[in-house]
PDB file of N, CA and C in Angstrom:
ATOM      1  N   MET A   1       2.018 -46.916-100.953  1.00  0.00           N
ATOM      2  CA  MET A   1       2.952 -47.758-102.614  1.00  0.00           C
ATOM      3  C   MET A   1       3.133 -49.394-101.803  1.00  0.00           C
ATOM      4  N   VAL A   2       2.859 -50.490-102.547  1.00  0.00           N
ATOM      5  CA  VAL A   2       2.957 -51.978-102.620  1.00  0.00           C
ATOM      6  C   VAL A   2       3.658 -52.565-103.816  1.00  0.00           C
ATOM      7  N   ASN A   3       4.553 -53.050-103.074  1.00  0.00           N
ATOM      8  CA  ASN A   3       5.675 -54.148-104.187  1.00  0.00           C
ATOM      9  C   ASN A   3       5.901 -52.624-104.990  1.00  0.00           C
ATOM     10  N   ASN A   4       6.748 -51.299-105.479  1.00  0.00           N
ATOM     11  CA  ASN A   4       6.995 -50.066-105.476  1.00  0.00           C
ATOM     12  C   ASN A   4       5.739 -50.204-106.836  1.00  0.00           C
ATOM     13  N   LYS A   5       4.317 -50.806-106.207  1.00  0.00           N
ATOM     14  CA  LYS A   5       3.712 -50.618-107.364  1.00  0.00           C
ATOM     15  C   LYS A   5       1.824 -49.606-106.586  1.00  0.00           C
ATOM     16  N   MET A   6       1.856 -48.001-107.158  1.00  0.00           N
ATOM     17  CA  MET A   6       0.663 -47.992-106.400  1.00  0.00           C
ATOM     18  C   MET A   6      -0.694 -48.205-105.991  1.00  0.00           C
ATOM     19  N   CYS A   7      -0.973 -48.878-105.081  1.00  0.00           N
ATOM     20  CA  CYS A   7      -1.837 -49.660-104.352  1.00  0.00           C
ATOM     21  C   CYS A   7      -2.992 -48.685-103.453  1.00  0.00           C
ATOM     22  N   VAL A   8      -2.988 -47.644-102.560  1.00  0.00           N
ATOM     23  CA  VAL A   8      -3.935 -46.523-101.867  1.00  0.00           C
ATOM     24  C   VAL A   8      -3.571 -45.871-101.962  1.00  0.00           C
ATOM     25  N   GLY A   9      -4.564 -45.065-101.492  1.00  0.00           N
ATOM     26  CA  GLY A   9      -3.669 -43.596-100.931  1.00  0.00           C
ATOM     27  C   GLY A   9      -5.172 -42.662-100.233  1.00  0.00           C
ATOM     28  N   VAL A  10      -4.615 -41.712 -99.480  1.00  0.00           N
ATOM     29  CA  VAL A  10      -5.746 -40.740 -98.944  1.00  0.00           C
ATOM     30  C   VAL A  10      -5.577 -39.339-100.344  1.00  0.00           C
ATOM     31  N   GLU A  11      -6.255 -38.718-100.333  1.00  0.00           N
ATOM     32  CA  GLU A  11      -6.091 -37.419-100.960  1.00  0.00           C
ATOM     33  C   GLU A  11      -7.616 -37.264-100.358  1.00  0.00           C
ATOM     34  N   LYS A  12      -7.562 -35.538 -99.620  1.00  0.00           N
ATOM     35  CA  LYS A  12      -8.153 -35.139 -98.947  1.00  0.00           C
ATOM     36  C   LYS A  12      -9.132 -35.172 -97.539  1.00  0.00           C
ATOM     37  N   GLU A  13     -10.625 -36.441 -98.716  1.00  0.00           N
ATOM     38  CA  GLU A  13     -11.321 -37.066 -97.535  1.00  0.00           C
ATOM     39  C   GLU A  13     -11.739 -37.677 -97.751  1.00  0.00           C
ATOM     40  N   ARG A  14     -11.625 -38.366 -99.107  1.00  0.00           N
ATOM     41  CA  ARG A  14     -11.128 -39.420 -99.816  1.00  0.00           C
ATOM     42  C   ARG A  14     -10.811 -40.642-100.385  1.00  0.00           C
ATOM     43  N   LEU A  15     -10.668 -41.670-100.095  1.00  0.00           N
ATOM     44  CA  LEU A  15      -9.385 -42.651-100.697  1.00  0.00           C
ATOM     45  C   LEU A  15      -9.862 -42.749-101.412  1.00  0.00           C
ATOM     46  N   MET A  16      -7.991 -43.273-102.484  1.00  0.00           N
ATOM     47  CA  MET A  16      -8.008 -43.013-103.689  1.00  0.00           C
ATOM     48  C   MET A  16      -7.381 -44.767-103.923  1.00  0.00           C
ATOM     49  N   VAL A  17      -8.570 -45.635-104.810  1.00  0.00           N
ATOM     50  CA  VAL A  17      -8.213 -47.006-104.762  1.00  0.00           C
ATOM     51  C   VAL A  17      -7.674 -47.419-106.367  1.00  0.00           C
ATOM     52  N   ARG A  18      -6.899 -48.348-106.275  1.00  0.00           N
ATOM     53  CA  ARG A  18      -6.609 -48.397-107.729  1.00  0.00           C
ATOM     54  C   ARG A  18      -6.184 -50.539-108.273  1.00  0.00           C
ATOM     55  N   LEU A  19      -7.308 -50.159-109.562  1.00  0.00           N
ATOM     56  CA  LEU A  19      -8.105 -50.834-108.933  1.00  0.00           C
ATOM     57  C   LEU A  19      -7.932 -51.625-110.977  1.00  0.00           C
ATOM     58  N   ASP A  20      -8.432 -53.039-110.675  1.00  0.00           N
ATOM     59  CA  ASP A  20      -8.529 -53.464-111.882  1.00  0.00           C
ATOM     60  C   ASP A  20      -9.281 -52.736-112.818  1.00  0.00           C
ATOM     61  N   PRO A  21      -8.929 -51.829-114.015  1.00  0.00           N
ATOM     62  CA  PRO A  21      -9.533 -51.343-114.675  1.00  0.00           C
ATOM     63  C   PRO A  21     -10.857 -52.207-115.398  1.00  0.00           C
ATOM     64  N   ALA A  22     -10.913 -54.348-116.310  1.00  0.00           N
ATOM     65  CA  ALA A  22     -11.715 -54.199-115.880  1.00  0.00           C
ATOM     66  C   ALA A  22     -13.192 -54.667-115.461  1.00  0.00           C
ATOM     67  N   ARG A  23     -12.764 -53.772-113.474  1.00  0.00           N
ATOM     68  CA  ARG A  23     -14.591 -53.338-112.738  1.00  0.00           C
ATOM     69  C   ARG A  23     -14.236 -52.824-112.759  1.00  0.00           C
ATOM     70  N   TYR A  24     -13.295 -51.718-113.621  1.00  0.00           N
ATOM     71  CA  TYR A  24     -13.815 -50.102-113.520  1.00  0.00           C
ATOM     72  C   TYR A  24     -15.223 -49.534-113.321  1.00  0.00           C
ATOM     73  N   GLU A  25     -16.297 -50.478-114.810  1.00  0.00           N
ATOM     74  CA  GLU A  25     -17.785 -49.107-114.569  1.00  0.00           C
ATOM     75  C   GLU A  25     -18.387 -50.358-113.534  1.00  0.00           C
ATOM     76  N   GLU A  26     -17.876 -51.552-113.443  1.00  0.00           N
ATOM     77  CA  GLU A  26     -18.970 -52.714-111.810  1.00  0.00           C
ATOM     78  C   GLU A  26     -18.192 -50.964-110.732  1.00  0.00           C
ATOM     79  N   VAL A  27     -17.910 -50.906-110.304  1.00  0.00           N
ATOM     80  CA  VAL A  27     -17.680 -50.109-109.139  1.00  0.00           C
ATOM     81  C   VAL A  27     -17.670 -49.460-109.420  1.00  0.00           C
ATOM     82  N   MET A  28     -17.946 -48.451-110.611  1.00  0.00           N
ATOM     83  CA  MET A  28     -17.988 -46.938-110.581  1.00  0.00           C
ATOM     84  C   MET A  28     -19.580 -46.897-110.672  1.00  0.00           C
ATOM     85  N   GLU A  29     -20.745 -47.916-110.257  1.00  0.00           N
ATOM     86  CA  GLU A  29     -21.820 -47.800-109.807  1.00  0.00           C
ATOM     87  C   GLU A  29     -22.194 -47.764-108.629  1.00  0.00           C
ATOM     88  N   MET A  30     -21.119 -48.315-107.469  1.00  0.00           N
ATOM     89  CA  MET A  30     -21.031 -48.445-106.153  1.00  0.00           C
ATOM     90  C   MET A  30     -21.193 -46.957-105.214  1.00  0.00           C
ATOM     91  N   GLU A  31     -21.552 -47.128-104.186  1.00  0.00           N
ATOM     92  CA  GLU A  31     -21.264 -45.693-102.975  1.00  0.00           C
ATOM     93  C   GLU A  31     -20.653 -44.630-103.489  1.00  0.00           C
ATOM     94  N   GLY A  32     -20.452 -43.408-102.997  1.00  0.00           N
ATOM     95  CA  GLY A  32     -19.535 -42.434-102.282  1.00  0.00           C
ATOM     96  C   GLY A  32     -18.048 -42.917-104.287  1.00  0.00           C
ATOM     97  N   CYS A  33     -18.112 -44.225-104.921  1.00  0.00           N
ATOM     98  CA  CYS A  33     -17.768 -44.061-105.822  1.00  0.00           C
ATOM     99  C   CYS A  33     -16.325 -42.766-107.418  1.00  0.00           C
ATOM    100  N   LYS A  34     -16.236 -41.829-107.084  1.00  0.00           N
ATOM    101  CA  LYS A  34     -16.189 -40.479-107.848  1.00  0.00           C
ATOM    102  C   LYS A  34     -15.328 -41.636-109.797  1.00  0.00           C
ATOM    103  N   PRO A  35     -14.616 -41.381-110.395  1.00  0.00           N
ATOM    104  CA  PRO A  35     -13.752 -41.186-111.386  1.00  0.00           C
ATOM    105  C   PRO A  35     -12.987 -40.812-110.358  1.00  0.00           C
ATOM    106  N   MET A  36     -11.145 -40.752-110.943  1.00  0.00           N
ATOM    107  CA  MET A  36     -10.048 -39.983-109.947  1.00  0.00           C
ATOM    108  C   MET A  36      -9.832 -38.611-111.386  1.00  0.00           C
ATOM    109  N   ASP A  37      -9.807 -38.366-111.359  1.00  0.00           N
ATOM    110  CA  ASP A  37      -9.522 -36.924-111.749  1.00  0.00           C
ATOM    111  C   ASP A  37      -8.453 -36.113-111.462  1.00  0.00           C
ATOM    112  N   PHE A  38      -7.751 -36.607-110.779  1.00  0.00           N
ATOM    113  CA  PHE A  38      -6.301 -35.644-109.842  1.00  0.00           C
ATOM    114  C   PHE A  38      -5.802 -35.132-110.996  1.00  0.00           C
ATOM    115  N   THR A  39      -5.399 -34.854-111.998  1.00  0.00           N
ATOM    116  CA  THR A  39      -5.301 -34.229-112.776  1.00  0.00           C
ATOM    117  C   THR A  39      -5.725 -33.193-113.760  1.00  0.00           C
ATOM    118  N   GLY A  40      -7.479 -33.664-113.419  1.00  0.00           N
ATOM    119  CA  GLY A  40      -8.043 -33.046-114.827  1.00  0.00           C
ATOM    120  C   GLY A  40      -8.375 -34.193-116.334  1.00  0.00           C
ATOM    121  N   LYS A  41      -7.938 -35.293-116.089  1.00  0.00           N
ATOM    122  CA  LYS A  41      -8.161 -36.063-116.622  1.00  0.00           C
ATOM    123  C   LYS A  41      -7.723 -38.051-115.880  1.00  0.00           C
ATOM    124  N   VAL A  42      -9.712 -37.638-116.189  1.00  0.00           N
ATOM    125  CA  VAL A  42     -10.726 -39.377-115.802  1.00  0.00           C
ATOM    126  C   VAL A  42      -8.900 -40.671-116.091  1.00  0.00           C
ATOM    127  N   MET A  43      -8.757 -41.324-114.601  1.00  0.00           N
ATOM    128  CA  MET A  43      -7.197 -42.461-115.372  1.00  0.00           C
ATOM    129  C   MET A  43      -8.012 -43.909-114.886  1.00  0.00           C
ATOM    130  N   LYS A  44      -9.051 -44.411-115.877  1.00  0.00           N
ATOM    131  CA  LYS A  44      -9.606 -45.860-115.695  1.00  0.00           C
ATOM    132  C   LYS A  44      -8.967 -46.874-114.957  1.00  0.00           C
ATOM    133  N   GLY A  45      -8.789 -47.309-113.421  1.00  0.00           N
ATOM    134  CA  GLY A  45      -8.242 -48.410-113.262  1.00  0.00           C
ATOM    135  C   GLY A  45      -7.921 -47.321-111.981  1.00  0.00           C
ATOM    136  N   TYR A  46      -8.814 -46.366-111.538  1.00  0.00           N
ATOM    137  CA  TYR A  46      -7.976 -45.542-110.650  1.00  0.00           C
ATOM    138  C   TYR A  46     -10.039 -45.017-110.175  1.00  0.00           C
ATOM    139  N   VAL A  47      -9.839 -44.749-108.632  1.00  0.00           N
ATOM    140  CA  VAL A  47     -11.266 -44.028-108.632  1.00  0.00           C
ATOM    141  C   VAL A  47     -10.689 -42.630-107.631  1.00  0.00           C
ATOM    142  N   PHE A  48     -11.482 -42.334-107.437  1.00  0.00           N
ATOM    143  CA  PHE A  48     -11.935 -42.038-105.600  1.00  0.00           C
ATOM    144  C   PHE A  48     -13.115 -42.063-105.231  1.00  0.00           C
ATOM    145  N   VAL A  49     -12.969 -42.610-103.843  1.00  0.00           N
ATOM    146  CA  VAL A  49     -14.084 -43.177-102.328  1.00  0.00           C
ATOM    147  C   VAL A  49     -13.909 -42.452-101.628  1.00  0.00           C
ATOM    148  N   ASP A  50     -15.658 -41.494-101.414  1.00  0.00           N
ATOM    149  CA  ASP A  50     -16.159 -40.562-100.203  1.00  0.00           C
ATOM    150  C   ASP A  50     -15.534 -41.348 -98.916  1.00  0.00           C
ATOM    151  N   ILE A  51     -14.927 -40.519 -98.365  1.00  0.00           N
ATOM    152  CA  ILE A  51     -15.306 -41.054 -97.465  1.00  0.00           C
ATOM    153  C   ILE A  51     -16.862 -41.150 -96.419  1.00  0.00           C
ATOM    154  N   ASP A  52     -17.758 -40.627 -96.680  1.00  0.00           N
ATOM    155  CA  ASP A  52     -19.028 -41.818 -96.310  1.00  0.00           C
ATOM    156  C   ASP A  52     -19.163 -42.768 -96.115  1.00  0.00           C
ATOM    157  N   ALA A  53     -18.271 -43.414 -97.102  1.00  0.00           N
ATOM    158  CA  ALA A  53     -19.194 -44.610 -97.900  1.00  0.00           C
ATOM    159  C   ALA A  53     -17.980 -45.394 -97.816  1.00  0.00           C
ATOM    160  N   LEU A  54     -17.340 -44.490 -96.403  1.00  0.00           N
ATOM    161  CA  LEU A  54     -16.309 -45.886 -95.596  1.00  0.00           C
ATOM    162  C   LEU A  54     -16.471 -45.840 -94.387  1.00  0.00           C
ATOM    163  N   ASN A  55     -17.773 -45.721 -93.855  1.00  0.00           N
ATOM    164  CA  ASN A  55     -18.250 -45.562 -92.863  1.00  0.00           C
ATOM    165  C   ASN A  55     -17.833 -46.747 -91.724  1.00  0.00           C
ATOM    166  N   THR A  56     -17.743 -47.650 -92.525  1.00  0.00           N
ATOM    167  CA  THR A  56     -18.081 -49.019 -91.518  1.00  0.00           C
ATOM    168  C   THR A  56     -16.478 -50.054 -92.143  1.00  0.00           C
ATOM    169  N   LYS A  57     -16.097 -51.130 -91.539  1.00  0.00           N
ATOM    170  CA  LYS A  57     -14.511 -51.455 -91.630  1.00  0.00           C
ATOM    171  C   LYS A  57     -15.190 -52.081 -91.766  1.00  0.00           C
ATOM    172  N   LYS A  58     -16.155 -52.869 -92.914  1.00  0.00           N
ATOM    173  CA  LYS A  58     -16.216 -54.265 -93.927  1.00  0.00           C
ATOM    174  C   LYS A  58     -16.642 -53.206 -95.123  1.00  0.00           C
ATOM    175  N   ARG A  59     -17.001 -52.362 -95.353  1.00  0.00           N
ATOM    176  CA  ARG A  59     -16.710 -50.816 -96.058  1.00  0.00           C
ATOM    177  C   ARG A  59     -14.822 -50.900 -96.638  1.00  0.00           C
ATOM    178  N   LEU A  60     -14.526 -50.469 -95.912  1.00  0.00           N
ATOM    179  CA  LEU A  60     -12.908 -50.197 -95.805  1.00  0.00           C
ATOM    180  C   LEU A  60     -11.899 -50.927 -96.035  1.00  0.00           C
ATOM    181  N   VAL A  61     -12.037 -52.580 -95.781  1.00  0.00           N
ATOM    182  CA  VAL A  61     -11.949 -53.958 -95.440  1.00  0.00           C
ATOM    183  C   VAL A  61     -11.872 -53.707 -96.689  1.00  0.00           C
ATOM    184  N   PHE A  62     -13.307 -54.006 -97.778  1.00  0.00           N
ATOM    185  CA  PHE A  62     -14.076 -54.444 -99.419  1.00  0.00           C
ATOM    186  C   PHE A  62     -12.150 -53.000-100.588  1.00  0.00           C
ATOM    187  N   TRP A  63     -11.939 -52.257-100.264  1.00  0.00           N
ATOM    188  CA  TRP A  63     -12.063 -51.260-101.395  1.00  0.00           C
ATOM    189  C   TRP A  63     -10.361 -51.713-100.963  1.00  0.00           C
ATOM    190  N   VAL A  64      -9.341 -51.599 -99.900  1.00  0.00           N
ATOM    191  CA  VAL A  64      -8.602 -51.631 -99.860  1.00  0.00           C
ATOM    192  C   VAL A  64      -8.148 -53.380 -99.951  1.00  0.00           C
ATOM    193  N   SER A  65      -8.838 -54.232-100.389  1.00  0.00           N
ATOM    194  CA  SER A  65      -8.489 -55.055-100.788  1.00  0.00           C
ATOM    195  C   SER A  65      -8.800 -55.412-102.262  1.00  0.00           C
ATOM    196  N   LEU A  66      -9.941 -54.365-102.766  1.00  0.00           N
ATOM    197  CA  LEU A  66      -9.767 -54.839-103.898  1.00  0.00           C
ATOM    198  C   LEU A  66      -8.350 -53.866-104.802  1.00  0.00           C
ATOM    199  N   ALA A  67      -7.736 -53.460-103.785  1.00  0.00           N
ATOM    200  CA  ALA A  67      -7.200 -53.088-104.890  1.00  0.00           C
ATOM    201  C   ALA A  67      -5.700 -53.739-103.916  1.00  0.00           C
ATOM    202  N   LEU A  68      -5.485 -54.145-102.719  1.00  0.00           N
ATOM    203  CA  LEU A  68      -4.054 -55.766-102.806  1.00  0.00           C
ATOM    204  C   LEU A  68      -4.135 -56.393-103.654  1.00  0.00           C
ATOM    205  N   GLU A  69      -5.654 -56.625-104.334  1.00  0.00           N
ATOM    206  CA  GLU A  69      -6.346 -58.496-105.759  1.00  0.00           C
ATOM    207  C   GLU A  69      -5.021 -57.408-106.993  1.00  0.00           C
ATOM    208  N   TYR A  70      -5.776 -56.341-106.647  1.00  0.00           N
ATOM    209  CA  TYR A  70      -4.984 -56.141-108.448  1.00  0.00           C
ATOM    210  C   TYR A  70      -3.122 -55.607-108.585  1.00  0.00           C
ATOM    211  N   ASN A  71      -3.009 -55.046-106.884  1.00  0.00           N
ATOM    212  CA  ASN A  71      -1.122 -54.789-106.964  1.00  0.00           C
ATOM    213  C   ASN A  71      -0.613 -55.922-107.010  1.00  0.00           C
ATOM    214  N   LYS A  72      -1.260 -57.379-107.255  1.00  0.00           N
ATOM    215  CA  LYS A  72      -0.678 -59.009-107.228  1.00  0.00           C
ATOM    216  C   LYS A  72      -0.446 -58.465-109.356  1.00  0.00           C
ATOM    217  N   ILE A  73      -1.277 -58.768-109.772  1.00  0.00           N
ATOM    218  CA  ILE A  73      -0.738 -57.822-111.835  1.00  0.00           C
ATOM    219  C   ILE A  73      -0.532 -56.865-112.472  1.00  0.00           C
ATOM    220  N   ALA A  74      -0.678 -56.338-111.682  1.00  0.00           N
ATOM    221  CA  ALA A  74      -0.707 -54.872-111.751  1.00  0.00           C
ATOM    222  C   ALA A  74       0.266 -53.941-112.921  1.00  0.00           C
ATOM    223  N   LYS A  75       1.337 -53.376-113.457  1.00  0.00           N
ATOM    224  CA  LYS A  75       2.119 -53.569-113.795  1.00  0.00           C
ATOM    225  C   LYS A  75       2.725 -52.092-112.665  1.00  0.00           C
ATOM    226  N   SER A  76       4.199 -51.844-112.363  1.00  0.00           N
ATOM    227  CA  SER A  76       4.387 -51.172-112.578  1.00  0.00           C
ATOM    228  C   SER A  76       5.101 -49.367-113.005  1.00  0.00           C
ATOM    229  N   SER A  77       4.158 -48.859-111.752  1.00  0.00           N
ATOM    230  CA  SER A  77       4.416 -46.798-113.016  1.00  0.00           C
ATOM    231  C   SER A  77       5.666 -46.757-113.360  1.00  0.00           C
ATOM    232  N   LYS A  78       6.199 -46.469-114.987  1.00  0.00           N
ATOM    233  CA  LYS A  78       7.323 -46.399-115.277  1.00  0.00           C
ATOM    234  C   LYS A  78       8.493 -45.087-114.329  1.00  0.00           C
ATOM    235  N   LYS A  79       9.855 -44.902-113.735  1.00  0.00           N
ATOM    236  CA  LYS A  79       9.789 -44.045-112.946  1.00  0.00           C
ATOM    237  C   LYS A  79      10.564 -43.017-113.819  1.00  0.00           C
ATOM    238  N   LYS A  80      10.526 -42.367-113.647  1.00  0.00           N
ATOM    239  CA  LYS A  80      10.977 -40.164-114.540  1.00  0.00           C
ATOM    240  C   LYS A  80      12.237 -40.456-113.657  1.00  0.00           C
ATOM    241  N   LYS A  81      12.875 -40.481-115.015  1.00  0.00           N
ATOM    242  CA  LYS A  81      14.430 -40.322-114.925  1.00  0.00           C
ATOM    243  C   LYS A  81      15.181 -38.213-114.323  1.00  0.00           C
TER     244      LYS A  81
END
């Protein structure tokens, strides 16, 4: 969580990244990137990145930077009551 908004996370052996939905199709072409279907439904604007695609600092920094950049303009999730 960054600024009370989902940003990045770790799920099993992969990184979850929240990114600009406008860049979704572009990043889906990248190595190790898969749709986030955690609930069985694909969530555009969220992706999973396999651990094998994060094998250098440069690659990890790329994905985290992508998430942090979008975080600046992303809306906070509505809190459940």
